[in-house]
């Protein structure tokens, strides 16, 4: 082509509608791609946060279960001690009852 025609086309290429449409599509495509990458990164961050919260929750449940197991063991131990104390109290009551019966017999013998 003639150099003058090439210069004319080169100087006025930006005025053509097709170039502006293609440029707009490239810019919009880049914006959409950036938006999608941002959402992907945000989703990945949310997934990490959820997994961290789940790990914390699981650890808290383990600690709670450990405390409940310890509490149940202490409750059983206390129940055993209460049962032993009740048995001792029953024996003491029986002994006191026998002693009271002997005192009654002694009082009855002393007062004819």
PDB file of N, CA and C in Angstrom:
ATOM      1  N   UNK A   1       0.835  -1.185   0.000  1.00  0.00           N
ATOM      2  CA  UNK A   1       0.000   0.000   0.000  1.00  0.00           C
ATOM      3  C   UNK A   1       0.879   1.248   0.000  1.00  0.00           C
ATOM      4  N   UNK A   2       0.256   2.265  -0.365  1.00  0.00           N
ATOM      5  CA  UNK A   2       0.954   3.543  -0.400  1.00  0.00           C
ATOM      6  C   UNK A   2       1.218   4.016   1.018  1.00  0.00           C
ATOM      7  N   UNK A   3       2.376   4.611   1.227  1.00  0.00           N
ATOM      8  CA  UNK A   3       2.763   5.059   2.559  1.00  0.00           C
ATOM      9  C   UNK A   3       1.785   6.095   3.090  1.00  0.00           C
ATOM     10  N   UNK A   4       1.265   6.890   2.276  1.00  0.00           N
ATOM     11  CA  UNK A   4       0.303   7.911   2.695  1.00  0.00           C
ATOM     12  C   UNK A   4      -0.977   7.264   3.207  1.00  0.00           C
ATOM     13  N   UNK A   5      -1.419   6.217   2.541  1.00  0.00           N
ATOM     14  CA  UNK A   5      -2.631   5.506   2.970  1.00  0.00           C
ATOM     15  C   UNK A   5      -2.401   4.803   4.300  1.00  0.00           C
ATOM     16  N   UNK A   6      -1.209   4.224   4.459  1.00  0.00           N
ATOM     17  CA  UNK A   6      -0.893   3.545   5.721  1.00  0.00           C
ATOM     18  C   UNK A   6      -0.868   4.556   6.866  1.00  0.00           C
ATOM     19  N   UNK A   7      -0.255   5.704   6.624  1.00  0.00           N
ATOM     20  CA  UNK A   7      -0.239   6.743   7.655  1.00  0.00           C
ATOM     21  C   UNK A   7      -1.646   7.234   7.977  1.00  0.00           C
ATOM     22  N   UNK A   8      -2.462   7.353   6.962  1.00  0.00           N
ATOM     23  CA  UNK A   8      -3.843   7.793   7.173  1.00  0.00           C
ATOM     24  C   UNK A   8      -4.604   6.786   8.036  1.00  0.00           C
ATOM     25  N   UNK A   9      -4.435   5.507   7.734  1.00  0.00           N
ATOM     26  CA  UNK A   9      -5.111   4.451   8.508  1.00  0.00           C
ATOM     27  C   UNK A   9      -4.543   4.393   9.914  1.00  0.00           C
ATOM     28  N   UNK A  10      -3.241   4.521  10.044  1.00  0.00           N
ATOM     29  CA  UNK A  10      -2.603   4.426  11.361  1.00  0.00           C
ATOM     30  C   UNK A  10      -3.012   5.590  12.248  1.00  0.00           C
ATOM     31  N   UNK A  11      -3.159   6.761  11.678  1.00  0.00           N
ATOM     32  CA  UNK A  11      -3.530   7.922  12.484  1.00  0.00           C
ATOM     33  C   UNK A  11      -4.986   7.882  12.918  1.00  0.00           C
ATOM     34  N   UNK A  12      -5.795   7.209  12.161  1.00  0.00           N
ATOM     35  CA  UNK A  12      -7.225   7.244  12.462  1.00  0.00           C
ATOM     36  C   UNK A  12      -7.799   5.889  12.895  1.00  0.00           C
ATOM     37  N   UNK A  13      -6.958   4.958  13.320  1.00  0.00           N
ATOM     38  CA  UNK A  13      -7.449   3.634  13.716  1.00  0.00           C
ATOM     39  C   UNK A  13      -8.294   3.703  14.963  1.00  0.00           C
ATOM     40  N   UNK A  14      -7.997   4.635  15.827  1.00  0.00           N
ATOM     41  CA  UNK A  14      -8.708   4.720  17.094  1.00  0.00           C
ATOM     42  C   UNK A  14     -10.126   5.213  16.920  1.00  0.00           C
ATOM     43  N   UNK A  15     -10.442   5.771  15.781  1.00  0.00           N
ATOM     44  CA  UNK A  15     -11.786   6.271  15.532  1.00  0.00           C
ATOM     45  C   UNK A  15     -12.737   5.174  15.087  1.00  0.00           C
ATOM     46  N   UNK A  16     -12.231   4.076  14.780  1.00  0.00           N
ATOM     47  CA  UNK A  16     -13.091   3.009  14.263  1.00  0.00           C
ATOM     48  C   UNK A  16     -13.846   2.343  15.408  1.00  0.00           C
ATOM     49  N   UNK A  17     -15.084   2.069  15.197  1.00  0.00           N
ATOM     50  CA  UNK A  17     -15.975   1.496  16.206  1.00  0.00           C
ATOM     51  C   UNK A  17     -15.531   0.093  16.599  1.00  0.00           C
ATOM     52  N   UNK A  18     -15.066  -0.670  15.651  1.00  0.00           N
ATOM     53  CA  UNK A  18     -14.690  -2.054  15.951  1.00  0.00           C
ATOM     54  C   UNK A  18     -13.552  -2.094  16.976  1.00  0.00           C
ATOM     55  N   UNK A  19     -12.622  -1.193  16.857  1.00  0.00           N
ATOM     56  CA  UNK A  19     -11.489  -1.167  17.783  1.00  0.00           C
ATOM     57  C   UNK A  19     -11.989  -0.855  19.191  1.00  0.00           C
ATOM     58  N   UNK A  20     -12.887   0.088  19.311  1.00  0.00           N
ATOM     59  CA  UNK A  20     -13.427   0.465  20.618  1.00  0.00           C
ATOM     60  C   UNK A  20     -14.244  -0.684  21.219  1.00  0.00           C
ATOM     61  N   UNK A  21     -14.987  -1.389  20.387  1.00  0.00           N
ATOM     62  CA  UNK A  21     -15.762  -2.532  20.885  1.00  0.00           C
ATOM     63  C   UNK A  21     -14.828  -3.622  21.394  1.00  0.00           C
ATOM     64  N   UNK A  22     -13.785  -3.921  20.628  1.00  0.00           N
ATOM     65  CA  UNK A  22     -12.836  -4.954  21.050  1.00  0.00           C
ATOM     66  C   UNK A  22     -12.124  -4.522  22.336  1.00  0.00           C
ATOM     67  N   UNK A  23     -11.736  -3.258  22.407  1.00  0.00           N
ATOM     68  CA  UNK A  23     -11.076  -2.767  23.619  1.00  0.00           C
ATOM     69  C   UNK A  23     -12.016  -2.856  24.820  1.00  0.00           C
ATOM     70  N   UNK A  24     -13.270  -2.481  24.625  1.00  0.00           N
ATOM     71  CA  UNK A  24     -14.246  -2.564  25.720  1.00  0.00           C
ATOM     72  C   UNK A  24     -14.445  -4.013  26.156  1.00  0.00           C
ATOM     73  N   UNK A  25     -14.515  -4.921  25.203  1.00  0.00           N
ATOM     74  CA  UNK A  25     -14.666  -6.338  25.550  1.00  0.00           C
ATOM     75  C   UNK A  25     -13.451  -6.856  26.317  1.00  0.00           C
ATOM     76  N   UNK A  26     -12.265  -6.440  25.905  1.00  0.00           N
ATOM     77  CA  UNK A  26     -11.063  -6.860  26.632  1.00  0.00           C
ATOM     78  C   UNK A  26     -11.062  -6.314  28.063  1.00  0.00           C
ATOM     79  N   UNK A  27     -11.432  -5.053  28.219  1.00  0.00           N
ATOM     80  CA  UNK A  27     -11.471  -4.464  29.560  1.00  0.00           C
ATOM     81  C   UNK A  27     -12.541  -5.146  30.416  1.00  0.00           C
ATOM     82  N   UNK A  28     -13.714  -5.358  29.846  1.00  0.00           N
ATOM     83  CA  UNK A  28     -14.788  -6.032  30.596  1.00  0.00           C
ATOM     84  C   UNK A  28     -14.409  -7.473  30.929  1.00  0.00           C
ATOM     85  N   UNK A  29     -13.771  -8.150  29.979  1.00  0.00           N
ATOM     86  CA  UNK A  29     -13.322  -9.519  30.244  1.00  0.00           C
ATOM     87  C   UNK A  29     -12.311  -9.565  31.381  1.00  0.00           C
ATOM     88  N   UNK A  30     -11.384  -8.609  31.368  1.00  0.00           N
ATOM     89  CA  UNK A  30     -10.412  -8.537  32.461  1.00  0.00           C
ATOM     90  C   UNK A  30     -11.079  -8.246  33.791  1.00  0.00           C
ATOM     91  N   UNK A  31     -12.084  -7.357  33.786  1.00  0.00           N
ATOM     92  CA  UNK A  31     -12.805  -7.045  35.030  1.00  0.00           C
ATOM     93  C   UNK A  31     -13.561  -8.263  35.546  1.00  0.00           C
ATOM     94  N   UNK A  32     -14.213  -8.968  34.650  1.00  0.00           N
ATOM     95  CA  UNK A  32     -14.955 -10.173  35.065  1.00  0.00           C
ATOM     96  C   UNK A  32     -13.990 -11.222  35.585  1.00  0.00           C
ATOM     97  N   UNK A  33     -12.865 -11.388  34.904  1.00  0.00           N
ATOM     98  CA  UNK A  33     -11.869 -12.363  35.365  1.00  0.00           C
ATOM     99  C   UNK A  33     -11.340 -11.973  36.743  1.00  0.00           C
ATOM    100  N   UNK A  34     -11.054 -10.700  36.941  1.00  0.00           N
ATOM    101  CA  UNK A  34     -10.602 -10.235  38.249  1.00  0.00           C
ATOM    102  C   UNK A  34     -11.654 -10.447  39.317  1.00  0.00           C
ATOM    103  N   UNK A  35     -12.903 -10.190  38.977  1.00  0.00           N
ATOM    104  CA  UNK A  35     -14.014 -10.404  39.914  1.00  0.00           C
ATOM    105  C   UNK A  35     -14.109 -11.874  40.303  1.00  0.00           C
ATOM    106  N   UNK A  36     -14.011 -12.756  39.328  1.00  0.00           N
ATOM    107  CA  UNK A  36     -14.086 -14.190  39.588  1.00  0.00           C
ATOM    108  C   UNK A  36     -12.907 -14.653  40.448  1.00  0.00           C
ATOM    109  N   UNK A  37     -11.726 -14.147  40.158  1.00  0.00           N
ATOM    110  CA  UNK A  37     -10.548 -14.514  40.963  1.00  0.00           C
ATOM    111  C   UNK A  37     -10.717 -14.018  42.396  1.00  0.00           C
ATOM    112  N   UNK A  38     -11.275 -12.822  42.540  1.00  0.00           N
ATOM    113  CA  UNK A  38     -11.544 -12.300  43.884  1.00  0.00           C
ATOM    114  C   UNK A  38     -12.520 -13.177  44.645  1.00  0.00           C
ATOM    115  N   UNK A  39     -13.575 -13.609  43.977  1.00  0.00           N
ATOM    116  CA  UNK A  39     -14.545 -14.488  44.632  1.00  0.00           C
ATOM    117  C   UNK A  39     -13.926 -15.833  44.975  1.00  0.00           C
ATOM    118  N   UNK A  40     -13.090 -16.353  44.094  1.00  0.00           N
ATOM    119  CA  UNK A  40     -12.432 -17.622  44.378  1.00  0.00           C
ATOM    120  C   UNK A  40     -11.537 -17.485  45.596  1.00  0.00           C
ATOM    121  N   UNK A  41     -10.774 -16.396  45.671  1.00  0.00           N
ATOM    122  CA  UNK A  41      -9.884 -16.183  46.818  1.00  0.00           C
ATOM    123  C   UNK A  41     -10.702 -16.011  48.097  1.00  0.00           C
ATOM    124  N   UNK A  42     -11.814 -15.295  48.011  1.00  0.00           N
ATOM    125  CA  UNK A  42     -12.670 -15.106  49.178  1.00  0.00           C
ATOM    126  C   UNK A  42     -13.282 -16.430  49.633  1.00  0.00           C
ATOM    127  N   UNK A  43     -13.716 -17.246  48.678  1.00  0.00           N
ATOM    128  CA  UNK A  43     -14.250 -18.568  49.022  1.00  0.00           C
ATOM    129  C   UNK A  43     -13.206 -19.451  49.669  1.00  0.00           C
ATOM    130  N   UNK A  44     -11.988 -19.384  49.163  1.00  0.00           N
ATOM    131  CA  UNK A  44     -10.899 -20.159  49.755  1.00  0.00           C
ATOM    132  C   UNK A  44     -10.628 -19.695  51.183  1.00  0.00           C
ATOM    133  N   UNK A  45     -10.636 -18.378  51.400  1.00  0.00           N
ATOM    134  CA  UNK A  45     -10.414 -17.832  52.741  1.00  0.00           C
ATOM    135  C   UNK A  45     -11.539 -18.254  53.680  1.00  0.00           C
ATOM    136  N   UNK A  46     -12.781 -18.204  53.197  1.00  0.00           N
ATOM    137  CA  UNK A  46     -13.909 -18.644  54.022  1.00  0.00           C
ATOM    138  C   UNK A  46     -13.774 -20.124  54.383  1.00  0.00           C
ATOM    139  N   UNK A  47     -13.355 -20.932  53.439  1.00  0.00           N
ATOM    140  CA  UNK A  47     -13.177 -22.363  53.711  1.00  0.00           C
ATOM    141  C   UNK A  47     -12.122 -22.580  54.791  1.00  0.00           C
ATOM    142  N   UNK A  48     -11.043 -21.832  54.735  1.00  0.00           N
ATOM    143  CA  UNK A  48     -10.014 -21.941  55.764  1.00  0.00           C
ATOM    144  C   UNK A  48     -10.565 -21.521  57.123  1.00  0.00           C
ATOM    145  N   UNK A  49     -11.349 -20.461  57.148  1.00  0.00           N
ATOM    146  CA  UNK A  49     -11.922 -19.996  58.408  1.00  0.00           C
ATOM    147  C   UNK A  49     -12.879 -21.039  58.976  1.00  0.00           C
ATOM    148  N   UNK A  50     -13.706 -21.620  58.115  1.00  0.00           N
ATOM    149  CA  UNK A  50     -14.662 -22.635  58.577  1.00  0.00           C
ATOM    150  C   UNK A  50     -13.926 -23.855  59.117  1.00  0.00           C
ATOM    151  N   UNK A  51     -12.865 -24.286  58.427  1.00  0.00           N
ATOM    152  CA  UNK A  51     -12.122 -25.451  58.915  1.00  0.00           C
ATOM    153  C   UNK A  51     -11.439 -25.131  60.246  1.00  0.00           C
ATOM    154  N   UNK A  52     -10.970 -23.901  60.414  1.00  0.00           N
ATOM    155  CA  UNK A  52     -10.358 -23.520  61.689  1.00  0.00           C
ATOM    156  C   UNK A  52     -11.401 -23.499  62.814  1.00  0.00           C
ATOM    157  N   UNK A  53     -12.574 -22.992  62.503  1.00  0.00           N
ATOM    158  CA  UNK A  53     -13.650 -22.981  63.506  1.00  0.00           C
ATOM    159  C   UNK A  53     -14.057 -24.409  63.854  1.00  0.00           C
ATOM    160  N   UNK A  54     -14.124 -25.270  62.858  1.00  0.00           N
ATOM    161  CA  UNK A  54     -14.484 -26.672  63.115  1.00  0.00           C
ATOM    162  C   UNK A  54     -13.441 -27.350  63.985  1.00  0.00           C
ATOM    163  N   UNK A  55     -12.148 -27.081  63.717  1.00  0.00           N
ATOM    164  CA  UNK A  55     -11.096 -27.661  64.563  1.00  0.00           C
ATOM    165  C   UNK A  55     -11.230 -27.169  66.005  1.00  0.00           C
ATOM    166  N   UNK A  56     -11.501 -25.885  66.166  1.00  0.00           N
ATOM    167  CA  UNK A  56     -11.700 -25.346  67.514  1.00  0.00           C
ATOM    168  C   UNK A  56     -12.901 -25.963  68.200  1.00  0.00           C
ATOM    169  N   UNK A  57     -13.983 -26.140  67.437  1.00  0.00           N
ATOM    170  CA  UNK A  57     -15.194 -26.744  67.994  1.00  0.00           C
ATOM    171  C   UNK A  57     -14.921 -28.184  68.409  1.00  0.00           C
ATOM    172  N   UNK A  58     -14.223 -28.930  67.555  1.00  0.00           N
ATOM    173  CA  UNK A  58     -13.896 -30.321  67.891  1.00  0.00           C
ATOM    174  C   UNK A  58     -13.030 -30.391  69.143  1.00  0.00           C
ATOM    175  N   UNK A  59     -12.081 -29.487  69.259  1.00  0.00           N
ATOM    176  CA  UNK A  59     -11.222 -29.465  70.453  1.00  0.00           C
ATOM    177  C   UNK A  59     -12.038 -29.122  71.690  1.00  0.00           C
ATOM    178  N   UNK A  60     -12.954 -28.175  71.551  1.00  0.00           N
ATOM    179  CA  UNK A  60     -13.812 -27.812  72.688  1.00  0.00           C
ATOM    180  C   UNK A  60     -14.693 -28.986  73.094  1.00  0.00           C
ATOM    181  N   UNK A  61     -15.209 -29.717  72.132  1.00  0.00           N
ATOM    182  CA  UNK A  61     -16.043 -30.895  72.438  1.00  0.00           C
ATOM    183  C   UNK A  61     -15.206 -31.953  73.151  1.00  0.00           C
ATOM    184  N   UNK A  62     -13.957 -32.150  72.704  1.00  0.00           N
ATOM    185  CA  UNK A  62     -13.082 -33.119  73.377  1.00  0.00           C
ATOM    186  C   UNK A  62     -12.839 -32.707  74.821  1.00  0.00           C
ATOM    187  N   UNK A  63     -12.572 -31.429  75.037  1.00  0.00           N
ATOM    188  CA  UNK A  63     -12.345 -30.934  76.397  1.00  0.00           C
ATOM    189  C   UNK A  63     -13.602 -31.107  77.247  1.00  0.00           C
ATOM    190  N   UNK A  64     -14.763 -30.814  76.663  1.00  0.00           N
ATOM    191  CA  UNK A  64     -16.012 -30.976  77.408  1.00  0.00           C
ATOM    192  C   UNK A  64     -16.238 -32.437  77.767  1.00  0.00           C
ATOM    193  N   UNK A  65     -16.001 -33.334  76.805  1.00  0.00           N
ATOM    194  CA  UNK A  65     -16.170 -34.757  77.077  1.00  0.00           C
ATOM    195  C   UNK A  65     -15.215 -35.219  78.177  1.00  0.00           C
ATOM    196  N   UNK A  66     -13.989 -34.705  78.159  1.00  0.00           N
ATOM    197  CA  UNK A  66     -13.021 -35.058  79.189  1.00  0.00           C
ATOM    198  C   UNK A  66     -13.500 -34.576  80.557  1.00  0.00           C
ATOM    199  N   UNK A  67     -14.001 -33.341  80.599  1.00  0.00           N
ATOM    200  CA  UNK A  67     -14.516 -32.814  81.876  1.00  0.00           C
ATOM    201  C   UNK A  67     -15.722 -33.617  82.349  1.00  0.00           C
ATOM    202  N   UNK A  68     -16.609 -33.981  81.429  1.00  0.00           N
ATOM    203  CA  UNK A  68     -17.782 -34.772  81.821  1.00  0.00           C
ATOM    204  C   UNK A  68     -17.376 -36.151  82.327  1.00  0.00           C
ATOM    205  N   UNK A  69     -16.384 -36.758  81.686  1.00  0.00           N
ATOM    206  CA  UNK A  69     -15.905 -38.063  82.139  1.00  0.00           C
ATOM    207  C   UNK A  69     -15.303 -37.952  83.534  1.00  0.00           C
ATOM    208  N   UNK A  70     -14.506 -36.902  83.746  1.00  0.00           N
ATOM    209  CA  UNK A  70     -13.915 -36.676  85.066  1.00  0.00           C
ATOM    210  C   UNK A  70     -15.005 -36.436  86.108  1.00  0.00           C
ATOM    211  N   UNK A  71     -15.997 -35.646  85.737  1.00  0.00           N
ATOM    212  CA  UNK A  71     -17.104 -35.358  86.648  1.00  0.00           C
ATOM    213  C   UNK A  71     -17.879 -36.628  86.977  1.00  0.00           C
ATOM    214  N   UNK A  72     -18.111 -37.475  85.982  1.00  0.00           N
ATOM    215  CA  UNK A  72     -18.823 -38.732  86.227  1.00  0.00           C
ATOM    216  C   UNK A  72     -18.020 -39.639  87.159  1.00  0.00           C
ATOM    217  N   UNK A  73     -16.707 -39.695  86.969  1.00  0.00           N
ATOM    218  CA  UNK A  73     -15.865 -40.530  87.843  1.00  0.00           C
ATOM    219  C   UNK A  73     -15.894 -40.004  89.270  1.00  0.00           C
ATOM    220  N   UNK A  74     -15.811 -38.682  89.425  1.00  0.00           N
ATOM    221  CA  UNK A  74     -15.854 -38.109  90.768  1.00  0.00           C
ATOM    222  C   UNK A  74     -17.223 -38.322  91.409  1.00  0.00           C
ATOM    223  N   UNK A  75     -18.270 -38.260  90.600  1.00  0.00           N
ATOM    224  CA  UNK A  75     -19.621 -38.503  91.129  1.00  0.00           C
ATOM    225  C   UNK A  75     -19.764 -39.937  91.603  1.00  0.00           C
ATOM    226  N   UNK A  76     -19.229 -40.884  90.840  1.00  0.00           N
ATOM    227  CA  UNK A  76     -19.272 -42.286  91.268  1.00  0.00           C
ATOM    228  C   UNK A  76     -18.477 -42.482  92.553  1.00  0.00           C
ATOM    229  N   UNK A  77     -17.322 -41.855  92.630  1.00  0.00           N
ATOM    230  CA  UNK A  77     -16.503 -41.962  93.834  1.00  0.00           C
ATOM    231  C   UNK A  77     -17.245 -41.375  95.038  1.00  0.00           C
ATOM    232  N   UNK A  78     -17.878 -40.229  94.832  1.00  0.00           N
ATOM    233  CA  UNK A  78     -18.635 -39.605  95.917  1.00  0.00           C
ATOM    234  C   UNK A  78     -19.824 -40.471  96.317  1.00  0.00           C
ATOM    235  N   UNK A  79     -20.475 -41.094  95.332  1.00  0.00           N
ATOM    236  CA  UNK A  79     -21.603 -41.976  95.648  1.00  0.00           C
ATOM    237  C   UNK A  79     -21.134 -43.168  96.473  1.00  0.00           C
ATOM    238  N   UNK A  80     -19.965 -43.704  96.141  1.00  0.00           N
ATOM    239  CA  UNK A  80     -19.414 -44.809  96.933  1.00  0.00           C
ATOM    240  C   UNK A  80     -19.116 -44.377  98.357  1.00  0.00           C
ATOM    241  N   UNK A  81     -18.569 -43.173  98.520  1.00  0.00           N
ATOM    242  CA  UNK A  81     -18.281 -42.674  99.868  1.00  0.00           C
ATOM    243  C   UNK A  81     -19.568 -42.426 100.641  1.00  0.00           C
ATOM    244  N   UNK A  82     -20.578 -41.901  99.948  1.00  0.00           N
ATOM    245  CA  UNK A  82     -21.869 -41.673 100.617  1.00  0.00           C
ATOM    246  C   UNK A  82     -22.486 -42.994 101.035  1.00  0.00           C
ATOM    247  N   UNK A  83     -22.375 -43.998 100.189  1.00  0.00           N
ATOM    248  CA  UNK A  83     -22.917 -45.319 100.524  1.00  0.00           C
ATOM    249  C   UNK A  83     -22.181 -45.901 101.730  1.00  0.00           C
ATOM    250  N   UNK A  84     -20.848 -45.744 101.756  1.00  0.00           N
ATOM    251  CA  UNK A  84     -20.072 -46.239 102.896  1.00  0.00           C
ATOM    252  C   UNK A  84     -20.455 -45.471 104.166  1.00  0.00           C
ATOM    253  N   UNK A  85     -20.636 -44.145 104.042  1.00  0.00           N
ATOM    254  CA  UNK A  85     -21.031 -43.350 105.205  1.00  0.00           C
ATOM    255  C   UNK A  85     -22.427 -43.742 105.679  1.00  0.00           C
ATOM    256  N   UNK A  86     -23.322 -44.015 104.738  1.00  0.00           N
ATOM    257  CA  UNK A  86     -24.678 -44.431 105.117  1.00  0.00           C
ATOM    258  C   UNK A  86     -24.636 -45.776 105.820  1.00  0.00           C
ATOM    259  N   UNK A  87     -23.786 -46.667 105.345  1.00  0.00           N
ATOM    260  CA  UNK A  87     -23.639 -47.974 105.992  1.00  0.00           C
ATOM    261  C   UNK A  87     -23.097 -47.809 107.410  1.00  0.00           C
ATOM    262  N   UNK A  88     -22.091 -46.940 107.544  1.00  0.00           N
ATOM    263  CA  UNK A  88     -21.522 -46.677 108.866  1.00  0.00           C
ATOM    264  C   UNK A  88     -22.566 -46.046 109.779  1.00  0.00           C
ATOM    265  N   UNK A  89     -23.343 -45.112 109.237  1.00  0.00           N
ATOM    266  CA  UNK A  89     -24.394 -44.465 110.038  1.00  0.00           C
ATOM    267  C   UNK A  89     -25.452 -45.476 110.455  1.00  0.00           C
ATOM    268  N   UNK A  90     -25.782 -46.404 109.578  1.00  0.00           N
ATOM    269  CA  UNK A  90     -26.761 -47.444 109.916  1.00  0.00           C
ATOM    270  C   UNK A  90     -26.217 -48.331 111.028  1.00  0.00           C
ATOM    271  N   UNK A  91     -24.951 -48.701 110.925  1.00  0.00           N
ATOM    272  CA  UNK A  91     -24.338 -49.512 111.975  1.00  0.00           C
ATOM    273  C   UNK A  91     -24.301 -48.746 113.292  1.00  0.00           C
ATOM    274  N   UNK A  92     -23.989 -47.446 113.222  1.00  0.00           N
ATOM    275  CA  UNK A  92     -23.965 -46.627 114.438  1.00  0.00           C
ATOM    276  C   UNK A  92     -25.368 -46.522 115.034  1.00  0.00           C
ATOM    277  N   UNK A  93     -26.359 -46.390 114.180  1.00  0.00           N
ATOM    278  CA  UNK A  93     -27.743 -46.318 114.668  1.00  0.00           C
ATOM    279  C   UNK A  93     -28.139 -47.636 115.311  1.00  0.00           C
ATOM    280  N   UNK A  94     -27.753 -48.756 114.715  1.00  0.00           N
ATOM    281  CA  UNK A  94     -28.049 -50.057 115.313  1.00  0.00           C
ATOM    282  C   UNK A  94     -27.364 -50.200 116.673  1.00  0.00           C
ATOM    283  N   UNK A  95     -26.101 -49.789 116.730  1.00  0.00           N
ATOM    284  CA  UNK A  95     -25.365 -49.848 117.995  1.00  0.00           C
ATOM    285  C   UNK A  95     -26.022 -48.947 119.026  1.00  0.00           C
ATOM    286  N   UNK A  96     -26.431 -47.753 118.626  1.00  0.00           N
ATOM    287  CA  UNK A  96     -27.104 -46.830 119.551  1.00  0.00           C
ATOM    288  C   UNK A  96     -28.434 -47.404 120.004  1.00  0.00           C
ATOM    289  N   UNK A  97     -29.133 -48.057 119.102  1.00  0.00           N
ATOM    290  CA  UNK A  97     -30.420 -48.672 119.453  1.00  0.00           C
ATOM    291  C   UNK A  97     -30.209 -49.795 120.474  1.00  0.00           C
ATOM    292  N   UNK A  98     -29.178 -50.609 120.268  1.00  0.00           N
ATOM    293  CA  UNK A  98     -28.881 -51.687 121.222  1.00  0.00           C
ATOM    294  C   UNK A  98     -28.488 -51.106 122.574  1.00  0.00           C
ATOM    295  N   UNK A  99     -27.690 -50.024 122.531  1.00  0.00           N
ATOM    296  CA  UNK A  99     -27.289 -49.390 123.795  1.00  0.00           C
ATOM    297  C   UNK A  99     -28.509 -48.820 124.502  1.00  0.00           C
ATOM    298  N   UNK A 100     -29.433 -48.227 123.753  1.00  0.00           N
ATOM    299  CA  UNK A 100     -30.652 -47.677 124.365  1.00  0.00           C
ATOM    300  C   UNK A 100     -31.498 -48.795 124.953  1.00  0.00           C
ATOM    301  N   UNK A 101     -31.553 -49.925 124.271  1.00  0.00           N
ATOM    302  CA  UNK A 101     -32.309 -51.057 124.809  1.00  0.00           C
ATOM    303  C   UNK A 101     -31.687 -51.545 126.120  1.00  0.00           C
ATOM    304  N   UNK A 102     -30.361 -51.611 126.167  1.00  0.00           N
ATOM    305  CA  UNK A 102     -29.698 -52.044 127.398  1.00  0.00           C
ATOM    306  C   UNK A 102     -29.921 -51.040 128.521  1.00  0.00           C
ATOM    307  N   UNK A 103     -29.920 -49.733 128.180  1.00  0.00           N
ATOM    308  CA  UNK A 103     -30.191 -48.718 129.201  1.00  0.00           C
ATOM    309  C   UNK A 103     -31.619 -48.884 129.707  1.00  0.00           C
ATOM    310  N   UNK A 104     -32.558 -49.123 128.826  1.00  0.00           N
ATOM    311  CA  UNK A 104     -33.959 -49.346 129.240  1.00  0.00           C
ATOM    312  C   UNK A 104     -34.074 -50.543 130.151  1.00  0.00           C
ATOM    313  N   UNK A 105     -33.373 -51.633 129.793  1.00  0.00           N
ATOM    314  CA  UNK A 105     -33.403 -52.832 130.649  1.00  0.00           C
ATOM    315  C   UNK A 105     -32.810 -52.517 132.010  1.00  0.00           C
ATOM    316  N   UNK A 106     -31.715 -51.773 132.022  1.00  0.00           N
ATOM    317  CA  UNK A 106     -31.086 -51.433 133.310  1.00  0.00           C
ATOM    318  C   UNK A 106     -32.004 -50.561 134.147  1.00  0.00           C
ATOM    319  N   UNK A 107     -32.668 -49.618 133.497  1.00  0.00           N
ATOM    320  CA  UNK A 107     -33.596 -48.727 134.218  1.00  0.00           C
ATOM    321  C   UNK A 107     -34.793 -49.530 134.748  1.00  0.00           C
ATOM    322  N   UNK A 108     -35.268 -50.457 133.972  1.00  0.00           N
ATOM    323  CA  UNK A 108     -36.406 -51.278 134.423  1.00  0.00           C
ATOM    324  C   UNK A 108     -35.990 -52.169 135.584  1.00  0.00           C
ATOM    325  N   UNK A 109     -34.779 -52.692 135.595  1.00  0.00           N
ATOM    326  CA  UNK A 109     -34.320 -53.518 136.704  1.00  0.00           C
ATOM    327  C   UNK A 109     -34.130 -52.666 137.955  1.00  0.00           C
ATOM    328  N   UNK A 110     -33.678 -51.448 137.769  1.00  0.00           N
ATOM    329  CA  UNK A 110     -33.441 -50.604 138.921  1.00  0.00           C
ATOM    330  C   UNK A 110     -34.755 -50.122 139.538  1.00  0.00           C
ATOM    331  N   UNK A 111     -35.787 -49.973 138.775  1.00  0.00           N
ATOM    332  CA  UNK A 111     -37.098 -49.531 139.271  1.00  0.00           C
ATOM    333  C   UNK A 111     -38.077 -50.681 139.209  1.00  0.00           C
ATOM    334  N   UNK A 112     -38.175 -51.430 140.307  1.00  0.00           N
ATOM    335  CA  UNK A 112     -39.138 -52.562 140.257  1.00  0.00           C
ATOM    336  C   UNK A 112     -40.543 -52.174 140.535  1.00  0.00           C
TER     337      UNK A 112
END
